[in-house]
Amino acid sequence: MKISATPPPAQAPTTAERMQSAAVELEAAFLTVMLKSAGLGKARQSLGGGAGEDQFSSFLVQQQAQQLAKSGGVGLSEILFQSLMEKADADQTRN
């Protein structure tokens, strides 16, 4: 049995995969702002609050927004992806 010190090279992501990932991340950033504006992540008096809760609540909201975006979100990432692909196709046909 041969053991290799280096793993086989991974395939580089395609343009479409990179654009899809960027669209999901942009939707997640948008959802983070929207969730914070809606009051999600604010300390509640009934749970005790405290400095720790205040400091880490933004991380929780960010992760919730990312999971929401990855699971379909509000559809913004799909619209962004389609727009990016159309732009890339248009740029490709001009060159």
N, C-alpha and C. Protein backbone atom coordinates (compact mmCIF):
# COMPACT_ATOMS: atom_id res chain seq x y z
N MET A 1 0.85 -1.17 0.00
CA MET A 1 0.00 0.00 0.00
C MET A 1 0.89 1.23 0.00
N LYS A 2 0.63 2.12 -0.93
CA LYS A 2 1.42 3.32 -1.05
C LYS A 2 0.71 4.47 -0.34
N ILE A 3 1.45 5.18 0.50
CA ILE A 3 0.90 6.32 1.23
C ILE A 3 1.55 7.58 0.68
N SER A 4 0.75 8.49 0.26
CA SER A 4 1.25 9.73 -0.31
C SER A 4 1.24 10.83 0.75
N ALA A 5 2.29 11.63 0.77
CA ALA A 5 2.39 12.73 1.74
C ALA A 5 1.49 13.90 1.36
N THR A 6 1.21 14.04 0.10
CA THR A 6 0.36 15.15 -0.33
C THR A 6 -0.93 14.60 -0.94
N PRO A 7 -2.04 15.22 -0.63
CA PRO A 7 -3.30 14.76 -1.21
C PRO A 7 -3.35 15.12 -2.70
N PRO A 8 -4.16 14.40 -3.45
CA PRO A 8 -4.27 14.73 -4.86
C PRO A 8 -4.83 16.14 -5.02
N PRO A 9 -4.41 16.85 -6.06
CA PRO A 9 -4.87 18.23 -6.24
C PRO A 9 -6.38 18.28 -6.46
N ALA A 10 -6.99 19.23 -5.78
CA ALA A 10 -8.44 19.40 -5.93
C ALA A 10 -8.71 20.21 -7.19
N GLN A 11 -9.84 19.94 -7.80
CA GLN A 11 -10.20 20.70 -8.98
C GLN A 11 -10.57 22.12 -8.57
N ALA A 12 -10.13 23.06 -9.37
CA ALA A 12 -10.48 24.45 -9.11
C ALA A 12 -11.97 24.64 -9.39
N PRO A 13 -12.63 25.46 -8.56
CA PRO A 13 -14.06 25.68 -8.79
C PRO A 13 -14.30 26.37 -10.13
N THR A 14 -15.38 26.01 -10.77
CA THR A 14 -15.72 26.62 -12.04
C THR A 14 -16.22 28.05 -11.81
N THR A 15 -16.32 28.79 -12.89
CA THR A 15 -16.82 30.16 -12.80
C THR A 15 -18.23 30.17 -12.22
N ALA A 16 -19.06 29.26 -12.66
CA ALA A 16 -20.44 29.20 -12.16
C ALA A 16 -20.47 28.89 -10.66
N GLU A 17 -19.60 28.00 -10.20
CA GLU A 17 -19.55 27.67 -8.78
C GLU A 17 -19.08 28.86 -7.95
N ARG A 18 -18.09 29.58 -8.47
CA ARG A 18 -17.61 30.77 -7.76
C ARG A 18 -18.70 31.84 -7.70
N MET A 19 -19.43 32.02 -8.79
CA MET A 19 -20.49 33.01 -8.83
C MET A 19 -21.64 32.62 -7.90
N GLN A 20 -21.97 31.34 -7.86
CA GLN A 20 -23.03 30.86 -6.97
C GLN A 20 -22.65 31.09 -5.52
N SER A 21 -21.40 30.80 -5.19
CA SER A 21 -20.92 31.01 -3.83
C SER A 21 -20.95 32.50 -3.45
N ALA A 22 -20.53 33.35 -4.38
CA ALA A 22 -20.54 34.79 -4.12
C ALA A 22 -21.97 35.31 -3.94
N ALA A 23 -22.89 34.79 -4.73
CA ALA A 23 -24.29 35.21 -4.62
C ALA A 23 -24.89 34.80 -3.27
N VAL A 24 -24.57 33.60 -2.81
CA VAL A 24 -25.07 33.13 -1.51
C VAL A 24 -24.47 33.97 -0.39
N GLU A 25 -23.18 34.27 -0.48
CA GLU A 25 -22.54 35.10 0.55
C GLU A 25 -23.13 36.51 0.59
N LEU A 26 -23.44 37.06 -0.58
CA LEU A 26 -24.06 38.39 -0.62
C LEU A 26 -25.46 38.35 -0.01
N GLU A 27 -26.22 37.30 -0.31
CA GLU A 27 -27.54 37.18 0.30
C GLU A 27 -27.42 37.01 1.81
N ALA A 28 -26.42 36.26 2.26
CA ALA A 28 -26.22 36.07 3.70
C ALA A 28 -25.89 37.40 4.38
N ALA A 29 -25.07 38.22 3.73
CA ALA A 29 -24.74 39.53 4.30
C ALA A 29 -25.99 40.40 4.37
N PHE A 30 -26.80 40.36 3.33
CA PHE A 30 -28.06 41.12 3.31
C PHE A 30 -28.99 40.64 4.42
N LEU A 31 -29.13 39.33 4.56
CA LEU A 31 -30.00 38.77 5.59
C LEU A 31 -29.50 39.08 7.00
N THR A 32 -28.18 39.13 7.17
CA THR A 32 -27.62 39.49 8.48
C THR A 32 -28.08 40.89 8.88
N VAL A 33 -27.97 41.82 7.96
CA VAL A 33 -28.40 43.20 8.24
C VAL A 33 -29.90 43.24 8.51
N MET A 34 -30.66 42.51 7.73
CA MET A 34 -32.12 42.52 7.91
C MET A 34 -32.51 41.89 9.25
N LEU A 35 -31.87 40.80 9.63
CA LEU A 35 -32.18 40.16 10.90
C LEU A 35 -31.79 41.04 12.09
N LYS A 36 -30.66 41.73 11.97
CA LYS A 36 -30.26 42.65 13.04
C LYS A 36 -31.25 43.81 13.14
N SER A 37 -31.70 44.32 11.99
CA SER A 37 -32.67 45.41 11.99
C SER A 37 -34.00 44.98 12.59
N ALA A 38 -34.32 43.71 12.43
CA ALA A 38 -35.57 43.18 12.98
C ALA A 38 -35.47 42.91 14.48
N GLY A 39 -34.27 43.04 15.03
CA GLY A 39 -34.11 42.86 16.47
C GLY A 39 -33.60 41.49 16.87
N LEU A 40 -33.31 40.62 15.91
CA LEU A 40 -32.79 39.31 16.24
C LEU A 40 -31.37 39.47 16.76
N GLY A 41 -31.07 38.84 17.85
CA GLY A 41 -29.74 38.93 18.42
C GLY A 41 -29.59 39.95 19.53
N LYS A 42 -30.63 40.73 19.76
CA LYS A 42 -30.57 41.69 20.86
C LYS A 42 -30.76 40.94 22.17
N ALA A 43 -30.06 41.39 23.19
CA ALA A 43 -30.16 40.74 24.50
C ALA A 43 -31.57 40.89 25.06
N ARG A 44 -32.06 39.79 25.61
CA ARG A 44 -33.39 39.80 26.22
C ARG A 44 -33.22 39.85 27.74
N GLN A 45 -34.01 40.62 28.37
CA GLN A 45 -33.91 40.75 29.83
C GLN A 45 -34.28 39.44 30.53
N SER A 46 -35.18 38.68 29.94
CA SER A 46 -35.62 37.45 30.59
C SER A 46 -34.54 36.36 30.60
N LEU A 47 -33.55 36.45 29.69
CA LEU A 47 -32.49 35.44 29.63
C LEU A 47 -31.25 35.86 30.41
N GLY A 48 -31.27 37.01 31.00
CA GLY A 48 -30.14 37.43 31.80
C GLY A 48 -29.18 38.36 31.09
N GLY A 49 -29.13 38.29 29.75
CA GLY A 49 -28.25 39.19 29.00
C GLY A 49 -26.80 39.03 29.40
N GLY A 50 -26.15 40.13 29.65
CA GLY A 50 -24.76 40.09 30.06
C GLY A 50 -23.82 40.42 28.92
N ALA A 51 -22.57 40.65 29.28
CA ALA A 51 -21.57 41.05 28.30
C ALA A 51 -21.31 39.95 27.27
N GLY A 52 -21.26 38.71 27.71
CA GLY A 52 -21.01 37.61 26.79
C GLY A 52 -22.09 37.47 25.73
N GLU A 53 -23.33 37.59 26.16
CA GLU A 53 -24.44 37.49 25.21
C GLU A 53 -24.39 38.64 24.21
N ASP A 54 -24.09 39.83 24.68
CA ASP A 54 -24.00 40.99 23.78
C ASP A 54 -22.88 40.81 22.76
N GLN A 55 -21.75 40.29 23.20
CA GLN A 55 -20.60 40.16 22.31
C GLN A 55 -20.77 39.08 21.25
N PHE A 56 -21.42 38.00 21.61
CA PHE A 56 -21.51 36.87 20.68
C PHE A 56 -22.82 36.78 19.91
N SER A 57 -23.77 37.63 20.21
CA SER A 57 -25.06 37.56 19.51
C SER A 57 -24.91 37.88 18.03
N SER A 58 -23.96 38.76 17.68
CA SER A 58 -23.78 39.08 16.26
C SER A 58 -23.27 37.87 15.48
N PHE A 59 -22.45 37.03 16.13
CA PHE A 59 -21.97 35.82 15.46
C PHE A 59 -23.13 34.85 15.22
N LEU A 60 -24.01 34.76 16.18
CA LEU A 60 -25.18 33.88 16.05
C LEU A 60 -26.06 34.35 14.90
N VAL A 61 -26.32 35.63 14.84
CA VAL A 61 -27.16 36.18 13.77
C VAL A 61 -26.50 35.95 12.42
N GLN A 62 -25.19 36.13 12.34
CA GLN A 62 -24.47 35.92 11.09
C GLN A 62 -24.57 34.47 10.64
N GLN A 63 -24.40 33.53 11.55
CA GLN A 63 -24.49 32.12 11.21
C GLN A 63 -25.92 31.73 10.80
N GLN A 64 -26.90 32.29 11.49
CA GLN A 64 -28.29 32.02 11.12
C GLN A 64 -28.57 32.54 9.71
N ALA A 65 -28.06 33.71 9.40
CA ALA A 65 -28.26 34.28 8.06
C ALA A 65 -27.57 33.43 6.99
N GLN A 66 -26.36 32.94 7.28
CA GLN A 66 -25.66 32.09 6.32
C GLN A 66 -26.41 30.78 6.09
N GLN A 67 -26.91 30.18 7.14
CA GLN A 67 -27.66 28.94 6.99
C GLN A 67 -28.96 29.18 6.21
N LEU A 68 -29.59 30.29 6.49
CA LEU A 68 -30.81 30.65 5.77
C LEU A 68 -30.52 30.83 4.29
N ALA A 69 -29.45 31.54 3.96
CA ALA A 69 -29.09 31.77 2.56
C ALA A 69 -28.72 30.47 1.86
N LYS A 70 -27.97 29.59 2.55
CA LYS A 70 -27.57 28.31 1.95
C LYS A 70 -28.75 27.39 1.70
N SER A 71 -29.80 27.55 2.49
CA SER A 71 -30.96 26.66 2.33
C SER A 71 -32.04 27.28 1.44
N GLY A 72 -31.69 28.30 0.70
CA GLY A 72 -32.64 28.88 -0.25
C GLY A 72 -32.95 30.33 0.03
N GLY A 73 -32.81 30.74 1.27
CA GLY A 73 -33.00 32.14 1.63
C GLY A 73 -34.32 32.72 1.14
N VAL A 74 -34.23 33.93 0.67
CA VAL A 74 -35.42 34.63 0.17
C VAL A 74 -35.41 34.71 -1.35
N GLY A 75 -34.47 33.99 -1.98
CA GLY A 75 -34.41 33.96 -3.44
C GLY A 75 -33.48 34.99 -4.04
N LEU A 76 -32.86 35.81 -3.22
CA LEU A 76 -31.97 36.85 -3.73
C LEU A 76 -30.74 36.27 -4.39
N SER A 77 -30.17 35.22 -3.82
CA SER A 77 -28.95 34.64 -4.39
C SER A 77 -29.19 34.08 -5.79
N GLU A 78 -30.35 33.51 -6.03
CA GLU A 78 -30.64 32.97 -7.36
C GLU A 78 -30.74 34.09 -8.39
N ILE A 79 -31.35 35.19 -8.01
CA ILE A 79 -31.46 36.34 -8.92
C ILE A 79 -30.08 36.91 -9.20
N LEU A 80 -29.26 37.04 -8.16
CA LEU A 80 -27.90 37.55 -8.33
C LEU A 80 -27.07 36.62 -9.21
N PHE A 81 -27.20 35.32 -8.98
CA PHE A 81 -26.46 34.34 -9.77
C PHE A 81 -26.84 34.43 -11.24
N GLN A 82 -28.12 34.48 -11.52
CA GLN A 82 -28.57 34.58 -12.92
C GLN A 82 -28.03 35.85 -13.58
N SER A 83 -28.06 36.94 -12.83
CA SER A 83 -27.55 38.21 -13.36
C SER A 83 -26.05 38.13 -13.63
N LEU A 84 -25.31 37.53 -12.71
CA LEU A 84 -23.87 37.38 -12.91
C LEU A 84 -23.56 36.49 -14.11
N MET A 85 -24.31 35.42 -14.27
CA MET A 85 -24.09 34.52 -15.40
C MET A 85 -24.41 35.21 -16.73
N GLU A 86 -25.48 35.99 -16.75
CA GLU A 86 -25.82 36.73 -17.97
C GLU A 86 -24.71 37.72 -18.31
N LYS A 87 -24.19 38.40 -17.31
CA LYS A 87 -23.10 39.36 -17.52
C LYS A 87 -21.86 38.65 -18.02
N ALA A 88 -21.52 37.51 -17.44
CA ALA A 88 -20.35 36.75 -17.86
C ALA A 88 -20.51 36.26 -19.29
N ASP A 89 -21.70 35.78 -19.64
CA ASP A 89 -21.96 35.32 -21.01
C ASP A 89 -21.85 36.46 -22.00
N ALA A 90 -22.38 37.62 -21.62
CA ALA A 90 -22.29 38.79 -22.50
C ALA A 90 -20.84 39.23 -22.69
N ASP A 91 -20.07 39.21 -21.62
CA ASP A 91 -18.67 39.58 -21.72
C ASP A 91 -17.88 38.58 -22.56
N GLN A 92 -18.24 37.31 -22.46
CA GLN A 92 -17.56 36.26 -23.21
C GLN A 92 -17.84 36.37 -24.70
N THR A 93 -19.06 36.72 -25.07
CA THR A 93 -19.40 36.82 -26.48
C THR A 93 -18.78 38.06 -27.12
N ARG A 94 -18.50 39.10 -26.31
CA ARG A 94 -17.84 40.28 -26.85
C ARG A 94 -16.38 40.05 -27.15
N ASN A 95 -15.75 39.13 -26.41
CA ASN A 95 -14.30 38.89 -26.59
C ASN A 95 -14.02 37.89 -27.63
